[in-house]
N, C-alpha and C. Protein backbone atom coordinates (compact mmCIF):
# COMPACT_ATOMS: atom_id res chain seq x y z
N MET A 1 143.87 165.01 10.81
CA MET A 1 143.31 166.50 11.13
C MET A 1 144.31 167.20 12.60
N LYS A 2 144.71 165.97 13.37
CA LYS A 2 145.56 166.42 14.63
C LYS A 2 147.02 167.06 13.72
N ASP A 3 147.59 166.32 12.96
CA ASP A 3 148.80 166.49 12.54
C ASP A 3 148.48 168.28 11.52
N GLY A 4 147.11 168.22 10.71
CA GLY A 4 147.38 169.34 10.40
C GLY A 4 147.39 170.58 11.12
N ARG A 5 146.32 170.36 12.53
CA ARG A 5 146.48 171.53 13.32
C ARG A 5 147.27 171.43 14.12
N GLY A 6 148.76 170.55 14.04
CA GLY A 6 150.03 170.80 14.70
C GLY A 6 150.89 171.79 13.72
N ARG A 7 150.70 171.64 12.36
CA ARG A 7 151.45 172.18 11.40
C ARG A 7 150.93 173.86 11.30
N ALA A 8 149.81 173.88 11.78
CA ALA A 8 149.19 174.69 11.61
C ALA A 8 150.14 176.13 12.90
N GLY A 9 149.77 175.33 14.04
CA GLY A 9 150.33 175.82 15.03
C GLY A 9 151.84 176.36 15.23
N ARG A 10 152.73 175.08 14.63
CA ARG A 10 153.95 175.49 14.35
C ARG A 10 154.18 176.76 13.63
N ALA A 11 153.43 176.94 12.15
CA ALA A 11 153.50 177.91 11.64
C ALA A 11 153.30 179.43 12.11
N ALA A 12 151.91 179.54 12.76
CA ALA A 12 151.44 180.43 13.37
C ALA A 12 152.92 180.67 14.76
N ARG A 13 153.57 180.17 15.47
CA ARG A 13 154.55 180.28 16.66
C ARG A 13 155.62 180.66 15.53
N ALA A 14 156.09 180.20 14.55
CA ALA A 14 157.00 180.63 13.69
C ALA A 14 156.74 182.01 13.30
N LEU A 15 155.73 182.47 12.59
CA LEU A 15 154.96 183.94 12.54
C LEU A 15 155.41 184.88 13.75
N ALA A 16 154.71 184.30 14.82
CA ALA A 16 154.89 185.08 16.04
C ALA A 16 156.44 185.58 16.13
N ALA A 17 157.07 184.42 16.16
CA ALA A 17 158.67 184.78 16.22
C ALA A 17 159.20 185.37 15.87
N TRP A 18 159.11 185.69 13.89
CA TRP A 18 159.75 186.57 13.07
C TRP A 18 158.99 187.90 13.32
N LEU A 19 157.62 188.02 13.40
CA LEU A 19 157.19 189.60 13.82
C LEU A 19 157.68 190.13 15.24
N GLY A 20 158.08 189.34 16.04
CA GLY A 20 158.54 189.66 17.04
C GLY A 20 160.32 190.29 17.30
N ALA A 21 160.94 189.12 16.64
CA ALA A 21 162.45 189.76 15.73
C ALA A 21 162.17 190.71 15.16
N ALA A 22 161.23 190.93 14.00
CA ALA A 22 161.06 192.16 13.21
C ALA A 22 160.79 193.75 14.27
N ALA A 23 160.15 193.27 15.13
CA ALA A 23 159.66 194.74 16.02
C ALA A 23 161.17 195.14 17.07
N LEU A 24 161.95 193.78 17.29
CA LEU A 24 162.84 194.24 18.18
C LEU A 24 163.94 194.64 17.29
N ALA A 25 164.10 194.59 16.00
CA ALA A 25 164.84 195.02 15.33
C ALA A 25 164.69 196.39 15.06
N ALA A 26 163.15 196.64 14.68
CA ALA A 26 162.88 198.15 14.47
C ALA A 26 162.94 199.50 15.59
N CYS A 27 162.74 198.53 16.82
CA CYS A 27 163.38 199.46 18.22
C CYS A 27 164.68 199.86 18.33
N THR A 28 165.16 198.62 18.00
CA THR A 28 167.10 199.01 18.05
C THR A 28 167.73 200.01 17.05
N PHE A 29 167.03 199.47 15.40
CA PHE A 29 167.74 200.49 14.49
C PHE A 29 166.94 201.61 13.97
N GLY A 30 165.88 201.46 14.64
CA GLY A 30 164.64 202.72 14.23
C GLY A 30 164.17 202.36 12.99
N GLY A 31 163.07 202.71 12.54
CA GLY A 31 162.35 202.10 11.58
C GLY A 31 162.42 203.08 10.28
N ALA A 32 162.01 202.44 9.63
CA ALA A 32 161.92 203.04 7.81
C ALA A 32 161.85 204.50 7.71
N GLY A 33 160.88 205.03 8.57
CA GLY A 33 161.03 206.50 8.24
C GLY A 33 161.26 207.36 9.16
N ASP A 34 162.27 206.69 10.24
CA ASP A 34 163.03 207.71 11.34
C ASP A 34 163.90 208.49 10.38
N PRO A 35 164.55 209.83 10.78
CA PRO A 35 165.27 210.46 9.98
C PRO A 35 166.67 210.16 10.39
N VAL A 36 167.60 210.07 9.22
CA VAL A 36 168.80 209.65 9.28
C VAL A 36 169.66 210.99 10.09
N GLN A 37 170.53 210.34 11.09
CA GLN A 37 171.23 211.27 11.96
C GLN A 37 172.62 211.72 11.08
N HIS A 38 172.39 213.08 10.88
CA HIS A 38 173.94 213.76 10.13
C HIS A 38 174.87 214.72 11.16
N THR A 39 175.94 214.02 11.07
CA THR A 39 177.17 214.58 12.35
C THR A 39 178.61 215.27 11.34
N TYR A 40 178.38 216.52 12.01
CA TYR A 40 179.29 217.50 10.82
C TYR A 40 180.43 217.80 12.12
N LEU A 41 181.84 217.89 11.00
CA LEU A 41 182.88 218.55 11.59
C LEU A 41 182.81 219.93 11.83
N LEU A 42 183.74 220.99 12.66
CA LEU A 42 183.78 221.76 12.60
C LEU A 42 185.35 221.89 12.60
N GLY A 43 185.88 222.40 11.45
CA GLY A 43 187.73 222.40 11.46
C GLY A 43 188.17 223.43 10.58
N GLY A 44 187.14 223.85 9.62
CA GLY A 44 187.76 224.87 9.03
C GLY A 44 188.09 224.48 7.21
N ASP A 45 188.35 224.99 6.50
CA ASP A 45 188.63 224.68 5.33
C ASP A 45 189.92 224.80 5.00
N GLY A 46 190.83 224.71 6.09
CA GLY A 46 192.33 225.12 5.99
C GLY A 46 192.49 226.71 6.40
N PRO A 47 193.84 226.91 6.64
CA PRO A 47 194.08 228.25 7.41
C PRO A 47 193.72 229.23 6.46
N ALA A 48 193.54 230.18 6.28
CA ALA A 48 193.35 231.65 5.60
C ALA A 48 194.46 231.73 4.90
N ARG A 49 195.22 231.62 5.47
CA ARG A 49 197.12 232.22 5.09
C ARG A 49 197.47 230.89 4.61
N ALA A 50 198.28 230.68 3.38
CA ALA A 50 198.70 229.50 2.79
C ALA A 50 199.81 229.05 3.97
N ALA A 51 200.93 230.13 4.02
CA ALA A 51 201.83 229.50 4.85
C ALA A 51 202.04 230.15 6.12
N ALA A 52 202.72 229.28 7.11
CA ALA A 52 203.26 230.49 8.51
C ALA A 52 204.17 231.09 8.39
N PRO A 53 204.25 232.21 9.37
CA PRO A 53 205.94 232.96 9.25
C PRO A 53 206.78 231.89 10.42
N PRO A 54 207.68 232.40 10.10
CA PRO A 54 208.99 231.51 11.09
C PRO A 54 208.67 232.18 12.16
N ALA A 55 208.78 231.63 13.18
CA ALA A 55 208.97 231.82 14.66
C ALA A 55 209.96 233.14 14.79
N ASP A 56 209.41 234.37 15.60
CA ASP A 56 210.37 234.99 15.93
C ASP A 56 211.51 234.45 17.16
N PRO A 57 212.78 234.71 16.61
CA PRO A 57 214.04 233.99 17.62
C PRO A 57 213.45 235.00 18.59
N ARG A 58 213.10 235.82 18.97
CA ARG A 58 213.13 236.98 20.34
C ARG A 58 212.08 236.70 21.36
N ALA A 59 211.16 235.65 20.62
CA ALA A 59 209.85 235.16 21.56
C ALA A 59 210.41 234.12 22.86
N ALA A 60 209.97 234.56 24.03
CA ALA A 60 210.63 233.51 24.82
C ALA A 60 209.76 233.15 25.65
N ALA A 61 208.25 233.99 25.53
CA ALA A 61 207.13 233.53 26.86
C ALA A 61 206.62 232.33 26.55
N THR A 62 205.83 231.84 27.00
CA THR A 62 204.50 230.44 26.57
C THR A 62 203.48 230.89 26.67
N LEU A 63 202.40 230.97 25.95
CA LEU A 63 200.99 230.94 26.08
C LEU A 63 200.12 229.88 26.37
N LEU A 64 199.35 229.65 27.58
CA LEU A 64 198.46 228.69 27.50
C LEU A 64 196.90 229.44 26.92
N VAL A 65 196.52 228.28 26.31
CA VAL A 65 194.96 228.55 25.47
C VAL A 65 194.15 227.63 25.86
N GLY A 66 192.93 227.83 26.63
CA GLY A 66 191.93 227.20 27.57
C GLY A 66 190.72 227.17 26.24
N GLN A 67 190.20 226.48 26.94
CA GLN A 67 188.89 225.93 25.94
C GLN A 67 187.85 227.39 25.78
N PRO A 68 187.39 227.61 24.56
CA PRO A 68 186.90 228.41 24.25
C PRO A 68 185.20 228.04 24.75
N GLN A 69 184.61 228.86 25.83
CA GLN A 69 183.23 228.84 26.55
C GLN A 69 182.33 229.57 25.46
N ALA A 70 181.19 228.73 25.09
CA ALA A 70 180.22 228.74 24.03
C ALA A 70 179.27 229.89 24.81
N LEU A 71 178.45 230.94 24.20
CA LEU A 71 177.51 231.58 24.47
C LEU A 71 176.02 230.76 24.92
N ALA A 72 175.12 231.20 26.00
CA ALA A 72 174.07 230.17 26.36
C ALA A 72 173.53 230.08 24.78
N GLY A 73 172.83 228.70 25.20
CA GLY A 73 172.09 228.43 23.93
C GLY A 73 173.00 227.41 22.88
N PHE A 74 174.36 227.99 22.93
CA PHE A 74 175.27 227.52 21.85
C PHE A 74 176.44 226.52 22.39
N ASP A 75 176.33 226.13 23.32
CA ASP A 75 176.96 225.13 24.36
C ASP A 75 176.77 223.87 24.56
N THR A 76 176.60 223.15 23.17
CA THR A 76 175.49 222.05 22.97
C THR A 76 176.66 221.37 21.53
N PRO A 77 175.96 220.31 21.30
CA PRO A 77 176.76 219.60 20.29
C PRO A 77 175.55 219.70 19.01
N ARG A 78 174.40 220.22 19.42
CA ARG A 78 173.15 220.23 18.63
C ARG A 78 173.31 221.56 17.51
N MET A 79 172.85 221.17 16.31
CA MET A 79 173.41 222.44 15.36
C MET A 79 171.93 223.70 15.52
N ALA A 80 172.35 224.70 15.95
CA ALA A 80 171.66 226.13 15.87
C ALA A 80 171.25 226.59 14.93
N TYR A 81 169.96 226.88 14.48
CA TYR A 81 169.89 228.19 13.70
C TYR A 81 168.44 228.70 14.15
N VAL A 82 168.69 230.02 13.79
CA VAL A 82 167.86 230.99 14.13
C VAL A 82 166.68 231.76 12.54
N ALA A 83 165.78 231.32 13.28
CA ALA A 83 164.67 231.75 12.28
C ALA A 83 164.47 232.75 12.29
N ARG A 84 164.37 233.67 13.51
CA ARG A 84 163.76 235.38 13.82
C ARG A 84 164.95 235.45 14.87
N PRO A 85 165.03 236.50 15.10
CA PRO A 85 165.89 237.13 15.91
C PRO A 85 165.67 236.80 17.21
N HIS A 86 166.60 236.60 17.98
CA HIS A 86 166.45 236.13 19.60
C HIS A 86 165.58 234.92 19.74
N GLU A 87 165.70 233.84 19.04
CA GLU A 87 164.99 232.92 18.91
C GLU A 87 165.76 231.74 18.62
N VAL A 88 166.50 231.07 19.54
CA VAL A 88 167.66 229.70 19.03
C VAL A 88 166.47 228.34 19.09
N SER A 89 166.73 227.76 17.62
CA SER A 89 166.06 226.79 17.57
C SER A 89 167.68 225.23 17.25
N TYR A 90 166.92 224.18 17.08
CA TYR A 90 167.92 222.97 16.62
C TYR A 90 167.39 222.17 15.67
N TYR A 91 168.34 221.91 15.05
CA TYR A 91 167.97 221.00 13.59
C TYR A 91 168.02 219.54 14.68
N ALA A 92 166.92 218.93 14.04
CA ALA A 92 166.34 217.45 14.41
C ALA A 92 167.14 216.43 14.56
N ALA A 93 167.88 216.50 12.87
CA ALA A 93 168.33 215.33 12.60
C ALA A 93 169.93 215.54 12.09
N SER A 94 170.73 216.39 12.60
CA SER A 94 171.80 217.14 12.24
C SER A 94 172.58 217.49 13.80
N GLN A 95 173.80 217.41 13.98
CA GLN A 95 174.75 217.64 14.99
C GLN A 95 176.11 218.08 14.71
N TRP A 96 176.65 218.42 15.69
CA TRP A 96 178.16 218.53 15.53
C TRP A 96 178.87 217.55 16.06
N ALA A 97 179.90 216.87 15.82
CA ALA A 97 180.71 215.85 16.34
C ALA A 97 180.76 216.52 17.75
N ASP A 98 181.08 217.46 18.23
CA ASP A 98 181.43 217.69 19.68
C ASP A 98 181.35 218.96 19.83
N VAL A 99 180.99 219.61 21.43
CA VAL A 99 180.40 220.82 21.47
C VAL A 99 181.46 221.60 20.49
N PRO A 100 180.88 222.76 20.10
CA PRO A 100 181.83 223.64 19.16
C PRO A 100 183.55 224.11 20.04
N GLY A 101 183.19 224.59 21.40
CA GLY A 101 184.40 224.82 21.98
C GLY A 101 185.33 223.79 22.02
N ARG A 102 185.04 222.71 21.90
CA ARG A 102 186.13 221.56 22.25
C ARG A 102 187.03 221.66 20.80
N MET A 103 186.35 221.56 19.73
CA MET A 103 186.77 221.48 18.04
C MET A 103 187.18 222.84 17.93
N VAL A 104 187.11 223.51 18.38
CA VAL A 104 187.72 225.23 18.21
C VAL A 104 188.94 225.38 19.08
N ALA A 105 188.90 225.05 20.41
CA ALA A 105 190.09 225.11 21.06
C ALA A 105 191.77 224.54 20.35
N PRO A 106 191.67 223.53 19.55
CA PRO A 106 193.12 223.22 19.08
C PRO A 106 193.61 223.83 18.05
N LEU A 107 192.40 224.69 17.00
CA LEU A 107 192.30 225.10 15.87
C LEU A 107 192.61 226.83 16.51
N LEU A 108 192.31 227.49 17.35
CA LEU A 108 192.85 228.37 18.01
C LEU A 108 194.36 228.40 18.59
N ALA A 109 194.60 227.35 18.92
CA ALA A 109 195.62 226.94 19.45
C ALA A 109 196.95 226.82 18.32
N ARG A 110 196.62 226.52 17.33
CA ARG A 110 197.29 225.97 16.17
C ARG A 110 197.61 227.72 15.20
N ALA A 111 196.04 228.74 15.20
CA ALA A 111 196.46 229.92 14.83
C ALA A 111 197.44 230.49 15.57
N LEU A 112 197.06 230.96 16.93
CA LEU A 112 198.25 231.30 17.70
C LEU A 112 199.55 231.28 17.36
N GLU A 113 199.71 229.93 17.38
CA GLU A 113 201.27 229.38 17.15
C GLU A 113 201.63 230.06 16.11
N ARG A 114 200.82 229.95 14.87
CA ARG A 114 201.54 230.46 13.49
C ARG A 114 202.03 231.75 13.42
N THR A 115 201.38 232.52 14.51
CA THR A 115 202.16 234.07 14.63
C THR A 115 203.51 233.95 14.91
N GLY A 116 204.10 233.10 15.73
CA GLY A 116 205.28 233.24 15.68
C GLY A 116 205.61 234.29 17.22
N ALA A 117 205.04 234.58 17.69
CA ALA A 117 204.68 235.83 18.91
C ALA A 117 205.27 234.77 20.22
N TRP A 118 205.09 233.53 20.48
CA TRP A 118 205.37 233.12 21.70
C TRP A 118 206.02 231.97 21.34
N ARG A 119 207.24 231.60 22.36
CA ARG A 119 207.97 230.30 22.22
C ARG A 119 207.72 228.99 22.25
N ALA A 120 205.93 229.03 22.92
CA ALA A 120 205.58 227.80 22.74
C ALA A 120 203.93 228.52 23.19
N VAL A 121 202.92 227.50 22.26
CA VAL A 121 201.27 227.30 22.37
C VAL A 121 201.17 226.34 23.25
N VAL A 122 200.78 226.38 24.57
CA VAL A 122 200.20 225.02 25.26
C VAL A 122 198.32 225.54 25.34
N GLN A 123 197.82 223.92 25.39
CA GLN A 123 196.50 224.00 25.84
C GLN A 123 196.24 223.24 27.11
N GLY A 124 195.32 223.52 27.59
CA GLY A 124 194.74 222.67 28.89
C GLY A 124 195.21 223.42 30.22
N ALA A 125 194.29 223.55 31.15
CA ALA A 125 194.34 224.25 32.56
C ALA A 125 195.60 223.44 33.08
N GLY A 126 196.75 223.84 33.80
CA GLY A 126 197.39 223.35 34.71
C GLY A 126 198.62 222.60 33.82
N ALA A 127 198.76 222.49 32.55
CA ALA A 127 199.82 221.85 31.67
C ALA A 127 201.26 222.10 31.83
N VAL A 128 201.22 224.07 31.56
CA VAL A 128 202.63 224.17 32.29
C VAL A 128 202.25 225.28 32.87
N ARG A 129 203.38 225.96 33.53
CA ARG A 129 203.24 227.15 33.88
C ARG A 129 203.83 228.58 32.75
N ALA A 130 202.60 229.18 32.45
CA ALA A 130 202.62 230.10 31.26
C ALA A 130 202.91 231.39 31.72
N ASP A 131 203.33 232.13 30.70
CA ASP A 131 203.79 233.73 31.09
C ASP A 131 202.45 234.33 30.44
N TYR A 132 201.86 233.94 29.60
CA TYR A 132 200.40 234.49 29.10
C TYR A 132 199.07 233.82 29.08
N ARG A 133 198.28 233.82 29.20
CA ARG A 133 197.14 232.91 29.37
C ARG A 133 195.78 233.83 28.09
N VAL A 134 195.58 233.10 27.30
CA VAL A 134 194.46 233.84 26.21
C VAL A 134 192.86 232.78 26.76
N ASP A 135 191.94 233.47 27.56
CA ASP A 135 190.56 233.26 27.88
C ASP A 135 189.69 233.29 26.83
N ALA A 136 188.87 232.61 26.04
CA ALA A 136 187.91 232.79 25.13
C ALA A 136 186.56 232.30 25.48
N ASP A 137 185.50 233.37 25.10
CA ASP A 137 184.40 232.99 25.48
C ASP A 137 183.21 233.83 24.31
N SER A 138 182.04 233.44 24.35
CA SER A 138 180.95 233.80 23.96
C SER A 138 181.11 233.40 22.26
N LEU A 139 181.48 231.94 22.38
CA LEU A 139 181.42 231.56 20.90
C LEU A 139 180.31 231.39 20.46
N THR A 140 179.82 231.87 19.40
CA THR A 140 178.32 231.37 18.81
C THR A 140 178.75 231.09 17.33
N VAL A 141 177.96 229.67 17.02
CA VAL A 141 177.68 229.15 15.57
C VAL A 141 176.49 229.42 15.19
N ALA A 142 175.70 230.18 14.55
CA ALA A 142 174.46 230.38 14.42
C ALA A 142 174.32 230.28 12.96
N HIS A 143 173.34 229.28 12.23
CA HIS A 143 172.52 229.87 11.01
C HIS A 143 171.64 230.32 11.22
N GLU A 144 171.60 231.69 10.59
CA GLU A 144 170.37 232.76 10.48
C GLU A 144 169.91 232.46 8.83
N LEU A 145 168.57 232.29 9.52
CA LEU A 145 167.56 231.80 8.13
C LEU A 145 166.58 233.20 7.78
N PHE A 146 166.81 234.10 8.65
CA PHE A 146 166.03 235.13 8.19
C PHE A 146 166.42 236.14 7.49
N GLU A 147 167.58 236.15 6.59
CA GLU A 147 168.01 236.90 5.67
C GLU A 147 168.09 235.60 4.58
N LYS A 148 167.92 236.43 3.41
CA LYS A 148 167.83 235.67 1.92
C LYS A 148 169.39 236.08 1.12
N PRO A 149 170.25 235.42 0.89
CA PRO A 149 170.70 233.99 1.17
C PRO A 149 170.98 233.69 2.90
N SER A 150 170.59 232.82 3.28
CA SER A 150 170.82 232.49 4.66
C SER A 150 172.45 232.71 5.32
N ARG A 151 172.82 232.89 6.27
CA ARG A 151 174.37 232.94 6.44
C ARG A 151 174.50 232.22 7.98
N VAL A 152 175.91 231.91 8.13
CA VAL A 152 176.23 231.80 9.39
C VAL A 152 176.84 232.66 10.19
N ARG A 153 177.01 232.85 11.29
CA ARG A 153 177.76 233.87 11.78
C ARG A 153 178.65 233.30 13.25
N LEU A 154 179.57 233.32 12.56
CA LEU A 154 180.65 232.97 13.99
C LEU A 154 180.84 234.15 14.81
N ALA A 155 181.14 233.78 15.99
CA ALA A 155 181.58 235.15 17.13
C ALA A 155 182.60 234.57 18.25
N LEU A 156 183.08 235.48 18.47
CA LEU A 156 184.38 234.84 19.99
C LEU A 156 184.95 235.93 20.21
N ARG A 157 184.85 235.88 21.76
CA ARG A 157 185.25 237.26 22.64
C ARG A 157 186.78 236.34 22.99
N LEU A 158 188.01 237.15 22.76
CA LEU A 158 189.13 236.77 23.70
C LEU A 158 189.75 237.53 24.60
N GLN A 159 190.48 237.13 25.68
CA GLN A 159 191.12 238.25 26.45
C GLN A 159 192.45 237.22 26.82
N LEU A 160 193.63 238.47 26.59
CA LEU A 160 194.96 238.03 26.91
C LEU A 160 195.12 238.91 28.05
N VAL A 161 196.03 237.97 28.94
CA VAL A 161 196.31 237.96 30.68
C VAL A 161 197.68 237.78 30.33
N GLU A 162 198.39 238.55 31.29
CA GLU A 162 199.92 238.59 31.95
C GLU A 162 199.73 237.41 33.13
N THR A 163 199.84 236.59 33.38
CA THR A 163 199.80 235.56 34.68
C THR A 163 200.29 235.67 35.77
N ARG A 164 201.54 236.28 35.51
CA ARG A 164 202.49 236.40 36.74
C ARG A 164 201.65 237.71 37.61
N GLU A 165 201.47 239.01 37.03
CA GLU A 165 200.65 240.02 37.61
C GLU A 165 199.34 239.66 37.77
N ARG A 166 198.69 239.09 37.03
CA ARG A 166 197.58 238.89 36.85
C ARG A 166 196.89 239.73 35.94
N ARG A 167 197.67 240.71 34.66
CA ARG A 167 197.33 241.89 34.35
C ARG A 167 196.46 241.83 33.04
N VAL A 168 195.44 242.09 33.06
CA VAL A 168 194.78 241.70 31.41
C VAL A 168 195.25 242.71 30.72
N LEU A 169 195.84 242.38 29.46
CA LEU A 169 196.42 243.58 28.42
C LEU A 169 195.39 243.75 27.39
N GLY A 170 194.51 243.18 27.00
CA GLY A 170 193.15 243.70 26.05
C GLY A 170 192.40 242.13 26.35
N THR A 171 191.06 242.72 25.75
CA THR A 171 189.78 242.11 25.29
C THR A 171 189.30 242.70 23.78
N ARG A 172 188.86 241.48 23.10
CA ARG A 172 188.59 242.20 21.53
C ARG A 172 187.62 240.86 21.34
N ALA A 173 186.34 241.16 20.74
CA ALA A 173 185.31 240.76 20.22
C ALA A 173 185.48 240.44 18.64
N PHE A 174 185.41 239.22 18.05
CA PHE A 174 185.50 238.68 16.73
C PHE A 174 184.54 238.44 16.11
N GLU A 175 184.15 238.39 14.78
CA GLU A 175 182.70 238.44 14.69
C GLU A 175 182.95 237.97 12.81
N VAL A 176 182.57 237.28 12.28
CA VAL A 176 182.58 236.47 10.69
C VAL A 176 181.30 236.02 9.83
N VAL A 177 180.64 237.09 9.12
CA VAL A 177 179.16 235.99 8.50
C VAL A 177 179.60 235.80 7.13
N GLU A 178 179.27 234.46 7.41
CA GLU A 178 179.32 233.73 5.85
C GLU A 178 178.13 233.37 5.11
N ALA A 179 177.70 233.74 3.76
CA ALA A 179 176.70 233.26 3.28
C ALA A 179 176.82 231.46 3.22
N ALA A 180 175.80 231.22 3.87
CA ALA A 180 175.24 229.68 3.40
C ALA A 180 174.69 229.26 1.69
N PRO A 181 175.37 228.03 1.23
CA PRO A 181 175.06 227.55 0.10
C PRO A 181 173.79 226.77 0.03
N GLY A 182 173.32 226.77 1.24
CA GLY A 182 171.97 226.18 1.73
C GLY A 182 171.34 226.12 2.73
N ASP A 183 170.12 226.30 2.41
CA ASP A 183 169.27 226.71 3.88
C ASP A 183 168.95 225.45 4.28
N ASP A 184 170.03 224.50 4.52
CA ASP A 184 169.69 223.28 5.67
C ASP A 184 171.10 223.24 6.59
N ALA A 185 171.26 222.39 7.24
CA ALA A 185 172.24 221.71 8.12
C ALA A 185 173.57 221.63 7.43
N TYR A 186 173.17 221.09 6.25
CA TYR A 186 175.09 220.98 5.48
C TYR A 186 175.05 222.39 5.16
N GLY A 187 174.57 223.08 4.70
CA GLY A 187 174.55 224.42 4.27
C GLY A 187 175.43 225.29 5.47
N ALA A 188 174.97 224.73 6.27
CA ALA A 188 175.42 225.88 7.46
C ALA A 188 176.71 225.49 7.96
N ALA A 189 177.13 223.93 8.08
CA ALA A 189 178.29 223.35 7.96
C ALA A 189 179.49 223.95 7.22
N LEU A 190 178.60 223.71 5.73
CA LEU A 190 180.08 224.37 4.68
C LEU A 190 180.33 225.47 4.98
N ALA A 191 179.11 226.58 5.66
CA ALA A 191 179.44 228.33 5.66
C ALA A 191 180.41 228.48 7.14
N ALA A 192 179.82 227.87 7.78
CA ALA A 192 180.85 227.49 9.14
C ALA A 192 182.36 227.34 9.13
N ASN A 193 182.68 226.26 8.50
CA ASN A 193 184.04 225.87 8.02
C ASN A 193 184.96 226.50 6.98
N ARG A 194 183.99 227.79 6.02
CA ARG A 194 184.53 228.53 5.66
C ARG A 194 185.05 229.81 6.42
N ALA A 195 183.90 229.88 7.26
CA ALA A 195 184.27 231.38 8.13
C ALA A 195 184.88 231.01 9.38
N LEU A 196 185.36 229.96 9.93
CA LEU A 196 186.32 229.81 11.07
C LEU A 196 187.55 230.18 10.92
N PRO A 197 188.45 229.86 9.54
CA PRO A 197 189.81 230.42 9.45
C PRO A 197 189.98 231.76 9.39
N LYS A 198 188.64 232.33 9.38
CA LYS A 198 189.02 233.95 8.63
C LYS A 198 188.87 234.29 10.39
N LEU A 199 187.96 233.57 11.04
CA LEU A 199 187.65 234.33 12.57
C LEU A 199 188.88 234.08 13.50
N LEU A 200 189.42 233.16 13.24
CA LEU A 200 190.64 232.65 13.68
C LEU A 200 191.78 233.23 13.76
N GLU A 201 192.14 233.63 12.50
CA GLU A 201 192.99 234.38 12.09
C GLU A 201 193.26 236.18 12.56
N GLN A 202 191.90 236.74 12.16
CA GLN A 202 191.53 237.60 13.23
C GLN A 202 192.08 238.00 14.40
N ALA A 203 191.62 236.97 15.25
CA ALA A 203 191.94 236.80 16.74
C ALA A 203 193.36 236.35 17.08
N ALA A 204 194.10 235.57 16.04
CA ALA A 204 195.49 235.19 16.55
C ALA A 204 196.40 237.00 15.84
N GLU A 205 195.86 237.50 14.65
CA GLU A 205 196.37 238.82 14.47
C GLU A 205 196.58 239.91 15.75
N TRP A 206 195.34 239.77 16.45
CA TRP A 206 195.29 240.54 17.39
C TRP A 206 195.67 240.23 18.76
N ALA A 207 195.82 239.19 19.47
CA ALA A 207 196.76 238.50 20.22
C ALA A 207 198.15 238.63 20.29
N SER A 208 198.77 238.60 18.79
CA SER A 208 200.19 238.80 18.47
C SER A 208 200.40 240.48 18.74
N GLY A 209 199.65 240.96 18.40
CA GLY A 209 200.20 242.44 18.48
C GLY A 209 199.77 243.05 19.39
N CYS A 210 199.00 242.17 20.36
CA CYS A 210 199.01 242.97 21.80
C CYS A 210 200.44 242.42 22.81
N MET A 211 201.18 241.34 22.22
CA MET A 211 202.14 240.70 22.88
C MET A 211 203.31 241.71 22.32
N LYS A 212 203.45 242.65 21.35
CA LYS A 212 204.11 243.63 20.86
C LYS A 212 204.05 244.38 21.47
N ASP A 213 202.98 245.12 21.84
CA ASP A 213 202.57 246.23 22.85
C ASP A 213 202.19 245.74 24.53
N ALA A 214 202.97 244.72 24.88
CA ALA A 214 202.43 244.06 26.32
C ALA A 214 202.71 245.11 27.02
N ALA A 215 203.50 245.85 27.16
CA ALA A 215 204.14 246.98 28.39
C ALA A 215 202.92 248.11 28.29
N LYS A 216 202.33 248.23 27.22
CA LYS A 216 201.19 249.26 27.01
C LYS A 216 200.16 248.62 27.26
N GLY A 217 199.70 247.53 26.67
CA GLY A 217 198.54 246.80 26.98
C GLY A 217 197.84 247.34 25.29
N CYS A 218 196.22 246.95 24.83
CA CYS A 218 196.06 247.11 23.76
C CYS A 218 194.66 246.88 23.96
């Protein structure tokens, strides 16, 4: 009888240990019912133009591009959707790989560089002493669900500044709306990556046009 009780005790302790380990694993890795977290890149599906024009040999100025600042409510890696006007919500199990401004910054710099309007286009505050500076703000990446089909709205505002005289040459807001192939976060990510090259091309063309009319502003 004693041996039987001993075996039963060892079995009970083993079962308790196994249940404890299972509970710890569930806490660490999430239970079977927990939603899977999806992370999306905002990089564009390639430039809107297939080839970049050669740099203008007369270009002698350097352009500094800062990180675009997002509009309030969109300055987060959380993916935003708008089910009704003026109300921002976020997908629970989907996010961007970084805040949109940090993902858009190098793409904006490359779009500006492709115009050939500057001798060099650089990023980062204090990187070099630049002749001109592009400030970008009001960045918005919103999945609008109150339209059918749903759509993604991308918006950005640029300001081109001549740094020596601290003169604003021009300010312009840009916006692209792209139909989403689905009313979910993945559909929003696809639409955003289709819209982004169009938005950046518009912005870059405007900024390079300002450079041509720098004496008058734009």
